[in-house]
Amino acid sequence: MRKTKLTYSNEAELEFICKGVEQSLMSGKYKFTKTRTTGTAKYQTKNEQILILPGNNELAGANARFVGSIKKHFKASQLPERISDERPFYEYFVPISTYTELKNICEVDINGAYWESAYELGYISKDLYKSAETVSKKARLIALGVLGKKTAVSVFEPPYSEIETTEHYERERVFWDNIVWNLGETIRDVTSRYKPHIFGIWFDAIFCTKSSANNIRRYLQRRGYETKIKQTRSYVITPRDGIAEGAKIERIFMDGTRKEMDVTYTRKKTMDQFLESIK
């Protein structure tokens, strides 16, 4: 069997490569399967396998061994009860419908948020917790993130009029959902307490007024979370057209560095209707 390995540098490039592979296989009228997870894709025909992976894979040496040991630990652990059937917290933003530049805004980021949450819930021992000090942040994120991995398998068969897709999550996903939910309860408390000063939440980052950042940081520290404050010059918000209401947010940091985020203004809000839209 012929095997081909392709790499990509960002999500857009991954989607572009996947589209090209699919068009090529369909033009040849091949029957093939596509196996897609977060960050990877695999195409399989009778005689060929095409694997698409991130090009900047940091998992080698100690980092790879660490991820392997964490996966092994959770596979051997008894599954916990699910804390909640509601969607865990990921991102919430106050909708902004016109081009806007926000000044006097910064970010309060929680250090090792998911790792801290897993330890707080008792899912990892003190020794495992401390072992993370020797590996990269990316390795910690991957080690826990794979618990929530979703795999989608699609079958493509000429004339490609119907494509059958099945999805499944890892058995250990309940650990991940509980870890995220536990962290989310802390985020809920912070947002409730300081909501006049907050315009958005992105996973473990809180976007707030500069005047409230130190208070939010101290509150999180009292809850056991270490944090850092990222100072910015401004946030430039450009509404995004399309079915899902959202925006592109460009963060301009004090040293001139610019980073973009693509956010969705969640319609099916769960955090008490995003705390009644923060008003």
C-alpha atoms as a PDB file:
ATOM      1  CA  MET A   1       0.000   0.000   0.000  1.00  0.00           C
ATOM      2  CA  ARG A   2       1.284   3.443  -0.898  1.00  0.00           C
ATOM      3  CA  LYS A   3       1.449   5.897   2.011  1.00  0.00           C
ATOM      4  CA  THR A   4       1.657   9.670   1.690  1.00  0.00           C
ATOM      5  CA  LYS A   5       2.197  12.155   4.508  1.00  0.00           C
ATOM      6  CA  LEU A   6       1.244  15.820   4.112  1.00  0.00           C
ATOM      7  CA  THR A   7       1.650  18.646   6.621  1.00  0.00           C
ATOM      8  CA  TYR A   8      -0.072  21.986   7.171  1.00  0.00           C
ATOM      9  CA  SER A   9       0.670  25.147   9.141  1.00  0.00           C
ATOM     10  CA  ASN A  10      -2.807  26.445  10.037  1.00  0.00           C
ATOM     11  CA  GLU A  11      -6.473  25.469  10.032  1.00  0.00           C
ATOM     12  CA  ALA A  12      -7.223  27.180   6.724  1.00  0.00           C
ATOM     13  CA  GLU A  13      -4.397  25.277   5.033  1.00  0.00           C
ATOM     14  CA  LEU A  14      -5.662  22.000   6.489  1.00  0.00           C
ATOM     15  CA  GLU A  15      -9.115  22.612   5.009  1.00  0.00           C
ATOM     16  CA  PHE A  16      -7.577  23.560   1.647  1.00  0.00           C
ATOM     17  CA  ILE A  17      -5.489  20.365   1.528  1.00  0.00           C
ATOM     18  CA  CYS A  18      -8.480  18.202   2.525  1.00  0.00           C
ATOM     19  CA  LYS A  19     -10.618  19.735  -0.202  1.00  0.00           C
ATOM     20  CA  GLY A  20      -7.891  19.123  -2.794  1.00  0.00           C
ATOM     21  CA  VAL A  21      -7.410  15.487  -1.759  1.00  0.00           C
ATOM     22  CA  GLU A  22     -11.149  14.818  -1.881  1.00  0.00           C
ATOM     23  CA  GLN A  23     -11.544  16.416  -5.304  1.00  0.00           C
ATOM     24  CA  SER A  24      -8.631  14.363  -6.650  1.00  0.00           C
ATOM     25  CA  LEU A  25      -9.990  11.072  -5.284  1.00  0.00           C
ATOM     26  CA  MET A  26     -13.519  11.779  -6.505  1.00  0.00           C
ATOM     27  CA  SER A  27     -12.292  12.721  -9.983  1.00  0.00           C
ATOM     28  CA  GLY A  28     -10.668   9.279 -10.088  1.00  0.00           C
ATOM     29  CA  LYS A  29     -13.971   7.742  -8.940  1.00  0.00           C
ATOM     30  CA  TYR A  30     -12.329   6.011  -5.973  1.00  0.00           C
ATOM     31  CA  LYS A  31     -14.212   4.637  -3.041  1.00  0.00           C
ATOM     32  CA  PHE A  32     -12.498   6.018   0.069  1.00  0.00           C
ATOM     33  CA  THR A  33     -12.937   6.812   3.744  1.00  0.00           C
ATOM     34  CA  LYS A  34     -12.015  10.008   5.517  1.00  0.00           C
ATOM     35  CA  THR A  35     -11.136   9.878   9.223  1.00  0.00           C
ATOM     36  CA  ARG A  36     -11.056  13.333  10.781  1.00  0.00           C
ATOM     37  CA  THR A  37     -10.055  14.371  14.287  1.00  0.00           C
ATOM     38  CA  THR A  38      -9.107  17.756  15.696  1.00  0.00           C
ATOM     39  CA  GLY A  39      -5.951  18.635  13.800  1.00  0.00           C
ATOM     40  CA  THR A  40      -5.570  15.499  11.648  1.00  0.00           C
ATOM     41  CA  ALA A  41      -7.141  13.878   8.609  1.00  0.00           C
ATOM     42  CA  LYS A  42      -6.623  10.473   7.012  1.00  0.00           C
ATOM     43  CA  TYR A  43      -7.848   9.299   3.602  1.00  0.00           C
ATOM     44  CA  GLN A  44      -7.910   5.591   2.809  1.00  0.00           C
ATOM     45  CA  THR A  45      -8.512   3.857  -0.523  1.00  0.00           C
ATOM     46  CA  LYS A  46      -7.950   0.215  -1.353  1.00  0.00           C
ATOM     47  CA  ASN A  47      -4.335   0.879  -2.291  1.00  0.00           C
ATOM     48  CA  GLU A  48      -3.428   4.246  -0.799  1.00  0.00           C
ATOM     49  CA  GLN A  49      -3.352   6.060   2.533  1.00  0.00           C
ATOM     50  CA  ILE A  50      -2.959   9.842   2.794  1.00  0.00           C
ATOM     51  CA  LEU A  51      -2.233  11.265   6.240  1.00  0.00           C
ATOM     52  CA  ILE A  52      -2.420  15.012   6.927  1.00  0.00           C
ATOM     53  CA  LEU A  53      -0.707  16.246  10.104  1.00  0.00           C
ATOM     54  CA  PRO A  54       0.344  19.581  11.628  1.00  0.00           C
ATOM     55  CA  GLY A  55       3.791  20.582  10.443  1.00  0.00           C
ATOM     56  CA  ASN A  56       4.881  22.117  13.748  1.00  0.00           C
ATOM     57  CA  ASN A  57       4.440  19.008  15.855  1.00  0.00           C
ATOM     58  CA  GLU A  58       6.114  19.705  19.206  1.00  0.00           C
ATOM     59  CA  LEU A  59       5.540  16.260  20.628  1.00  0.00           C
ATOM     60  CA  ALA A  60       8.935  14.618  20.793  1.00  0.00           C
ATOM     61  CA  GLY A  61      11.154  13.292  23.545  1.00  0.00           C
ATOM     62  CA  ALA A  62       9.983  14.240  27.057  1.00  0.00           C
ATOM     63  CA  ASN A  63       6.838  15.939  25.765  1.00  0.00           C
ATOM     64  CA  ALA A  64       5.724  12.831  23.870  1.00  0.00           C
ATOM     65  CA  ARG A  65       6.469  10.568  26.839  1.00  0.00           C
ATOM     66  CA  PHE A  66       4.499  12.882  29.109  1.00  0.00           C
ATOM     67  CA  VAL A  67       1.425  12.835  26.841  1.00  0.00           C
ATOM     68  CA  GLY A  68       1.655   9.048  26.622  1.00  0.00           C
ATOM     69  CA  SER A  69       1.827   8.667  30.401  1.00  0.00           C
ATOM     70  CA  ILE A  70      -1.225  10.915  30.921  1.00  0.00           C
ATOM     71  CA  LYS A  71      -3.243   9.003  28.311  1.00  0.00           C
ATOM     72  CA  LYS A  72      -2.298   5.742  30.012  1.00  0.00           C
ATOM     73  CA  HIS A  73      -3.259   7.168  33.418  1.00  0.00           C
ATOM     74  CA  PHE A  74      -6.764   8.183  32.321  1.00  0.00           C
ATOM     75  CA  LYS A  75      -7.412   4.954  30.424  1.00  0.00           C
ATOM     76  CA  ALA A  76      -6.672   3.050  33.637  1.00  0.00           C
ATOM     77  CA  SER A  77      -8.835   5.361  35.772  1.00  0.00           C
ATOM     78  CA  GLN A  78     -12.425   4.698  36.759  1.00  0.00           C
ATOM     79  CA  LEU A  79     -14.824   6.951  34.890  1.00  0.00           C
ATOM     80  CA  PRO A  80     -16.335   9.685  37.092  1.00  0.00           C
ATOM     81  CA  GLU A  81     -19.964  10.767  37.180  1.00  0.00           C
ATOM     82  CA  ARG A  82     -20.760  13.523  34.723  1.00  0.00           C
ATOM     83  CA  ILE A  83     -21.082  16.858  36.527  1.00  0.00           C
ATOM     84  CA  SER A  84     -23.554  18.338  34.065  1.00  0.00           C
ATOM     85  CA  ASP A  85     -25.172  17.551  30.721  1.00  0.00           C
ATOM     86  CA  GLU A  86     -25.028  21.206  29.730  1.00  0.00           C
ATOM     87  CA  ARG A  87     -22.396  22.389  27.280  1.00  0.00           C
ATOM     88  CA  PRO A  88     -19.134  23.290  29.038  1.00  0.00           C
ATOM     89  CA  PHE A  89     -17.917  26.872  28.787  1.00  0.00           C
ATOM     90  CA  TYR A  90     -15.700  27.778  25.847  1.00  0.00           C
ATOM     91  CA  GLU A  91     -16.361  31.233  24.422  1.00  0.00           C
ATOM     92  CA  TYR A  92     -18.827  34.043  25.041  1.00  0.00           C
ATOM     93  CA  PHE A  93     -18.718  37.598  23.731  1.00  0.00           C
ATOM     94  CA  VAL A  94     -21.026  40.577  23.939  1.00  0.00           C
ATOM     95  CA  PRO A  95     -22.268  41.040  20.347  1.00  0.00           C
ATOM     96  CA  ILE A  96     -20.856  44.105  18.589  1.00  0.00           C
ATOM     97  CA  SER A  97     -22.588  44.772  15.253  1.00  0.00           C
ATOM     98  CA  THR A  98     -20.462  47.599  13.861  1.00  0.00           C
ATOM     99  CA  TYR A  99     -16.748  48.140  13.295  1.00  0.00           C
ATOM    100  CA  THR A 100     -15.433  49.121  16.719  1.00  0.00           C
ATOM    101  CA  GLU A 101     -12.092  49.766  18.383  1.00  0.00           C
ATOM    102  CA  LEU A 102     -12.005  49.153  22.127  1.00  0.00           C
ATOM    103  CA  LYS A 103      -9.285  50.805  24.175  1.00  0.00           C
ATOM    104  CA  ASN A 104      -8.351  50.427  27.859  1.00  0.00           C
ATOM    105  CA  ILE A 105      -9.019  46.693  27.565  1.00  0.00           C
ATOM    106  CA  CYS A 106      -6.714  43.829  28.507  1.00  0.00           C
ATOM    107  CA  GLU A 107      -6.742  40.069  29.103  1.00  0.00           C
ATOM    108  CA  VAL A 108      -6.473  38.098  32.300  1.00  0.00           C
ATOM    109  CA  ASP A 109      -5.243  34.590  31.412  1.00  0.00           C
ATOM    110  CA  ILE A 110      -5.281  31.639  33.785  1.00  0.00           C
ATOM    111  CA  ASN A 111      -1.986  29.740  33.814  1.00  0.00           C
ATOM    112  CA  GLY A 112      -2.344  25.998  33.231  1.00  0.00           C
ATOM    113  CA  ALA A 113      -6.092  26.328  33.721  1.00  0.00           C
ATOM    114  CA  TYR A 114      -7.161  22.840  32.634  1.00  0.00           C
ATOM    115  CA  TRP A 115      -4.272  21.193  34.426  1.00  0.00           C
ATOM    116  CA  GLU A 116      -5.208  23.044  37.634  1.00  0.00           C
ATOM    117  CA  SER A 117      -8.846  22.034  37.204  1.00  0.00           C
ATOM    118  CA  ALA A 118      -7.934  18.351  36.723  1.00  0.00           C
ATOM    119  CA  TYR A 119      -5.853  18.452  39.907  1.00  0.00           C
ATOM    120  CA  GLU A 120      -8.608  20.211  41.850  1.00  0.00           C
ATOM    121  CA  LEU A 121     -11.064  17.472  40.827  1.00  0.00           C
ATOM    122  CA  GLY A 122      -8.640  14.775  41.995  1.00  0.00           C
ATOM    123  CA  TYR A 123      -8.155  13.273  38.539  1.00  0.00           C
ATOM    124  CA  ILE A 124      -4.364  13.502  38.760  1.00  0.00           C
ATOM    125  CA  SER A 125      -2.055  12.901  41.700  1.00  0.00           C
ATOM    126  CA  LYS A 126       0.336  15.447  43.141  1.00  0.00           C
ATOM    127  CA  ASP A 127       3.250  13.630  41.484  1.00  0.00           C
ATOM    128  CA  LEU A 128       1.551  13.753  38.070  1.00  0.00           C
ATOM    129  CA  TYR A 129       0.626  17.378  38.661  1.00  0.00           C
ATOM    130  CA  LYS A 130       4.221  18.326  39.412  1.00  0.00           C
ATOM    131  CA  SER A 131       5.555  16.297  36.474  1.00  0.00           C
ATOM    132  CA  ALA A 132       3.989  18.871  34.130  1.00  0.00           C
ATOM    133  CA  GLU A 133       6.604  21.399  35.245  1.00  0.00           C
ATOM    134  CA  THR A 134       9.192  19.684  33.030  1.00  0.00           C
ATOM    135  CA  VAL A 135       7.212  19.774  29.760  1.00  0.00           C
ATOM    136  CA  SER A 136       5.823  22.417  27.422  1.00  0.00           C
ATOM    137  CA  LYS A 137       2.451  24.127  27.797  1.00  0.00           C
ATOM    138  CA  LYS A 138       1.415  22.569  24.469  1.00  0.00           C
ATOM    139  CA  ALA A 139       2.138  19.087  25.831  1.00  0.00           C
ATOM    140  CA  ARG A 140      -0.099  19.721  28.875  1.00  0.00           C
ATOM    141  CA  LEU A 141      -2.917  20.943  26.670  1.00  0.00           C
ATOM    142  CA  ILE A 142      -2.642  17.996  24.295  1.00  0.00           C
ATOM    143  CA  ALA A 143      -2.423  15.483  27.151  1.00  0.00           C
ATOM    144  CA  LEU A 144      -5.818  16.584  28.483  1.00  0.00           C
ATOM    145  CA  GLY A 145      -7.343  17.712  25.192  1.00  0.00           C
ATOM    146  CA  VAL A 146      -7.138  14.246  23.647  1.00  0.00           C
ATOM    147  CA  LEU A 147      -9.615  13.108  26.310  1.00  0.00           C
ATOM    148  CA  GLY A 148     -12.296  15.074  24.477  1.00  0.00           C
ATOM    149  CA  LYS A 149     -11.234  14.046  20.977  1.00  0.00           C
ATOM    150  CA  LYS A 150     -14.008  13.508  18.453  1.00  0.00           C
ATOM    151  CA  THR A 151     -13.432  11.192  15.505  1.00  0.00           C
ATOM    152  CA  ALA A 152     -15.625  11.479  12.409  1.00  0.00           C
ATOM    153  CA  VAL A 153     -15.451   8.751   9.756  1.00  0.00           C
ATOM    154  CA  SER A 154     -17.008   9.491   6.349  1.00  0.00           C
ATOM    155  CA  VAL A 155     -17.471   6.973   3.541  1.00  0.00           C
ATOM    156  CA  PHE A 156     -17.220   8.335  -0.036  1.00  0.00           C
ATOM    157  CA  GLU A 157     -18.521   6.058  -2.786  1.00  0.00           C
ATOM    158  CA  PRO A 158     -19.373   6.945  -6.403  1.00  0.00           C
ATOM    159  CA  PRO A 159     -21.505   8.759  -7.445  1.00  0.00           C
ATOM    160  CA  TYR A 160     -20.947  10.568  -4.113  1.00  0.00           C
ATOM    161  CA  SER A 161     -24.583  11.668  -3.885  1.00  0.00           C
ATOM    162  CA  GLU A 162     -24.796  10.549  -0.259  1.00  0.00           C
ATOM    163  CA  ILE A 163     -21.874  10.566   2.161  1.00  0.00           C
ATOM    164  CA  GLU A 164     -22.350   8.524   5.308  1.00  0.00           C
ATOM    165  CA  THR A 165     -20.622   9.925   8.396  1.00  0.00           C
ATOM    166  CA  THR A 166     -20.392   8.448  11.877  1.00  0.00           C
ATOM    167  CA  GLU A 167     -18.958  10.248  14.893  1.00  0.00           C
ATOM    168  CA  HIS A 168     -17.732   9.061  18.255  1.00  0.00           C
ATOM    169  CA  TYR A 169     -15.920  10.461  21.261  1.00  0.00           C
ATOM    170  CA  GLU A 170     -13.253   8.863  23.384  1.00  0.00           C
ATOM    171  CA  ARG A 171     -14.467   6.809  26.345  1.00  0.00           C
ATOM    172  CA  GLU A 172     -12.617   9.237  28.618  1.00  0.00           C
ATOM    173  CA  ARG A 173     -14.457  12.317  27.324  1.00  0.00           C
ATOM    174  CA  VAL A 174     -16.371  12.622  30.610  1.00  0.00           C
ATOM    175  CA  PHE A 175     -13.084  13.565  32.312  1.00  0.00           C
ATOM    176  CA  TRP A 176     -12.560  16.393  29.810  1.00  0.00           C
ATOM    177  CA  ASP A 177     -16.126  17.688  30.075  1.00  0.00           C
ATOM    178  CA  ASN A 178     -15.897  17.748  33.865  1.00  0.00           C
ATOM    179  CA  ILE A 179     -12.497  19.480  33.785  1.00  0.00           C
ATOM    180  CA  VAL A 180     -13.870  22.187  31.484  1.00  0.00           C
ATOM    181  CA  TRP A 181     -17.089  22.522  33.488  1.00  0.00           C
ATOM    182  CA  ASN A 182     -15.218  22.891  36.761  1.00  0.00           C
ATOM    183  CA  LEU A 183     -13.081  25.651  35.267  1.00  0.00           C
ATOM    184  CA  GLY A 184     -16.213  27.172  33.763  1.00  0.00           C
ATOM    185  CA  GLU A 185     -17.814  27.513  37.189  1.00  0.00           C
ATOM    186  CA  THR A 186     -14.871  29.680  38.232  1.00  0.00           C
ATOM    187  CA  ILE A 187     -15.257  31.728  35.045  1.00  0.00           C
ATOM    188  CA  ARG A 188     -18.980  32.083  35.775  1.00  0.00           C
ATOM    189  CA  ASP A 189     -18.233  33.399  39.260  1.00  0.00           C
ATOM    190  CA  VAL A 190     -15.699  35.908  37.953  1.00  0.00           C
ATOM    191  CA  THR A 191     -18.029  37.081  35.189  1.00  0.00           C
ATOM    192  CA  SER A 192     -20.961  37.456  37.583  1.00  0.00           C
ATOM    193  CA  ARG A 193     -18.865  39.433  40.029  1.00  0.00           C
ATOM    194  CA  TYR A 194     -17.240  41.770  37.489  1.00  0.00           C
ATOM    195  CA  LYS A 195     -19.670  41.669  34.563  1.00  0.00           C
ATOM    196  CA  PRO A 196     -19.875  45.465  33.991  1.00  0.00           C
ATOM    197  CA  HIS A 197     -16.133  45.270  33.219  1.00  0.00           C
ATOM    198  CA  ILE A 198     -16.134  42.182  30.957  1.00  0.00           C
ATOM    199  CA  PHE A 199     -16.920  41.974  27.245  1.00  0.00           C
ATOM    200  CA  GLY A 200     -15.743  38.469  26.446  1.00  0.00           C
ATOM    201  CA  ILE A 201     -14.454  35.057  27.537  1.00  0.00           C
ATOM    202  CA  TRP A 202     -12.238  32.808  25.445  1.00  0.00           C
ATOM    203  CA  PHE A 203     -11.639  29.389  27.033  1.00  0.00           C
ATOM    204  CA  ASP A 204      -9.429  30.408  29.998  1.00  0.00           C
ATOM    205  CA  ALA A 205      -8.968  34.104  29.125  1.00  0.00           C
ATOM    206  CA  ILE A 206     -11.117  36.976  30.375  1.00  0.00           C
ATOM    207  CA  PHE A 207     -11.318  40.181  28.318  1.00  0.00           C
ATOM    208  CA  CYS A 208     -11.941  43.071  30.680  1.00  0.00           C
ATOM    209  CA  THR A 209     -11.337  46.743  31.394  1.00  0.00           C
ATOM    210  CA  LYS A 210      -7.817  47.571  32.504  1.00  0.00           C
ATOM    211  CA  SER A 211      -9.185  49.104  35.697  1.00  0.00           C
ATOM    212  CA  SER A 212     -10.650  45.736  36.781  1.00  0.00           C
ATOM    213  CA  ALA A 213      -7.764  43.438  35.733  1.00  0.00           C
ATOM    214  CA  ASN A 214      -5.889  43.409  39.032  1.00  0.00           C
ATOM    215  CA  ASN A 215      -9.063  42.768  41.036  1.00  0.00           C
ATOM    216  CA  ILE A 216      -9.991  39.882  38.747  1.00  0.00           C
ATOM    217  CA  ARG A 217      -6.475  38.511  39.022  1.00  0.00           C
ATOM    218  CA  ARG A 218      -6.534  38.632  42.836  1.00  0.00           C
ATOM    219  CA  TYR A 219      -9.963  36.976  42.911  1.00  0.00           C
ATOM    220  CA  LEU A 220      -8.723  34.102  40.737  1.00  0.00           C
ATOM    221  CA  GLN A 221      -5.620  33.719  42.889  1.00  0.00           C
ATOM    222  CA  ARG A 222      -7.815  33.378  45.974  1.00  0.00           C
ATOM    223  CA  ARG A 223      -9.594  30.560  44.115  1.00  0.00           C
ATOM    224  CA  GLY A 224      -6.227  28.837  43.617  1.00  0.00           C
ATOM    225  CA  TYR A 225      -5.519  29.855  40.017  1.00  0.00           C
ATOM    226  CA  GLU A 226      -2.331  31.635  39.004  1.00  0.00           C
ATOM    227  CA  THR A 227      -2.808  34.243  36.290  1.00  0.00           C
ATOM    228  CA  LYS A 228      -1.083  36.717  34.019  1.00  0.00           C
ATOM    229  CA  ILE A 229      -2.291  40.030  32.631  1.00  0.00           C
ATOM    230  CA  LYS A 230      -1.721  40.802  28.946  1.00  0.00           C
ATOM    231  CA  GLN A 231      -1.735  44.531  28.333  1.00  0.00           C
ATOM    232  CA  THR A 232      -3.022  45.729  24.955  1.00  0.00           C
ATOM    233  CA  ARG A 233      -3.288  48.991  23.066  1.00  0.00           C
ATOM    234  CA  SER A 234      -6.687  48.116  21.643  1.00  0.00           C
ATOM    235  CA  TYR A 235      -9.054  45.516  20.280  1.00  0.00           C
ATOM    236  CA  VAL A 236     -10.310  46.102  16.735  1.00  0.00           C
ATOM    237  CA  ILE A 237     -13.623  44.327  16.148  1.00  0.00           C
ATOM    238  CA  THR A 238     -14.927  43.716  12.621  1.00  0.00           C
ATOM    239  CA  PRO A 239     -18.378  42.050  12.342  1.00  0.00           C
ATOM    240  CA  ARG A 240     -18.381  38.806  10.378  1.00  0.00           C
ATOM    241  CA  ASP A 241     -20.953  38.162   7.678  1.00  0.00           C
ATOM    242  CA  GLY A 242     -22.550  34.756   7.368  1.00  0.00           C
ATOM    243  CA  ILE A 243     -24.975  32.384   9.032  1.00  0.00           C
ATOM    244  CA  ALA A 244     -23.218  32.330  12.404  1.00  0.00           C
ATOM    245  CA  GLU A 245     -23.168  35.812  13.920  1.00  0.00           C
ATOM    246  CA  GLY A 246     -19.687  36.738  15.063  1.00  0.00           C
ATOM    247  CA  ALA A 247     -16.651  38.900  14.451  1.00  0.00           C
ATOM    248  CA  LYS A 248     -12.955  39.048  13.791  1.00  0.00           C
ATOM    249  CA  ILE A 249     -11.107  40.504  16.761  1.00  0.00           C
ATOM    250  CA  GLU A 250      -7.602  41.858  16.221  1.00  0.00           C
ATOM    251  CA  ARG A 251      -5.651  42.231  19.441  1.00  0.00           C
ATOM    252  CA  ILE A 252      -2.923  44.868  19.290  1.00  0.00           C
ATOM    253  CA  PHE A 253      -0.428  44.436  22.121  1.00  0.00           C
ATOM    254  CA  MET A 254       1.761  47.110  23.693  1.00  0.00           C
ATOM    255  CA  ASP A 255       4.819  46.087  21.642  1.00  0.00           C
ATOM    256  CA  GLY A 256       2.843  46.353  18.392  1.00  0.00           C
ATOM    257  CA  THR A 257       2.296  42.609  17.975  1.00  0.00           C
ATOM    258  CA  ARG A 258      -1.053  41.799  16.370  1.00  0.00           C
ATOM    259  CA  LYS A 259      -3.057  38.608  16.802  1.00  0.00           C
ATOM    260  CA  GLU A 260      -6.432  37.744  15.306  1.00  0.00           C
ATOM    261  CA  MET A 261      -9.305  35.733  16.749  1.00  0.00           C
ATOM    262  CA  ASP A 262     -12.462  34.574  15.007  1.00  0.00           C
ATOM    263  CA  VAL A 263     -15.315  34.504  17.514  1.00  0.00           C
ATOM    264  CA  THR A 264     -18.956  33.450  17.429  1.00  0.00           C
ATOM    265  CA  TYR A 265     -21.657  35.263  19.355  1.00  0.00           C
ATOM    266  CA  THR A 266     -23.198  32.163  20.910  1.00  0.00           C
ATOM    267  CA  ARG A 267     -26.916  31.951  20.140  1.00  0.00           C
ATOM    268  CA  LYS A 268     -27.585  28.954  22.374  1.00  0.00           C
ATOM    269  CA  LYS A 269     -26.177  30.565  25.470  1.00  0.00           C
ATOM    270  CA  THR A 270     -25.878  28.467  28.618  1.00  0.00           C
ATOM    271  CA  MET A 271     -24.105  30.624  31.170  1.00  0.00           C
ATOM    272  CA  ASP A 272     -27.436  31.999  32.384  1.00  0.00           C
ATOM    273  CA  GLN A 273     -27.957  33.506  28.927  1.00  0.00           C
ATOM    274  CA  PHE A 274     -24.409  34.815  29.208  1.00  0.00           C
ATOM    275  CA  LEU A 275     -25.404  36.470  32.428  1.00  0.00           C
ATOM    276  CA  GLU A 276     -28.286  38.202  30.672  1.00  0.00           C
ATOM    277  CA  SER A 277     -25.937  39.654  28.072  1.00  0.00           C
ATOM    278  CA  ILE A 278     -23.774  41.302  30.736  1.00  0.00           C
ATOM    279  CA  LYS A 279     -26.113  44.306  31.020  1.00  0.00           C
END
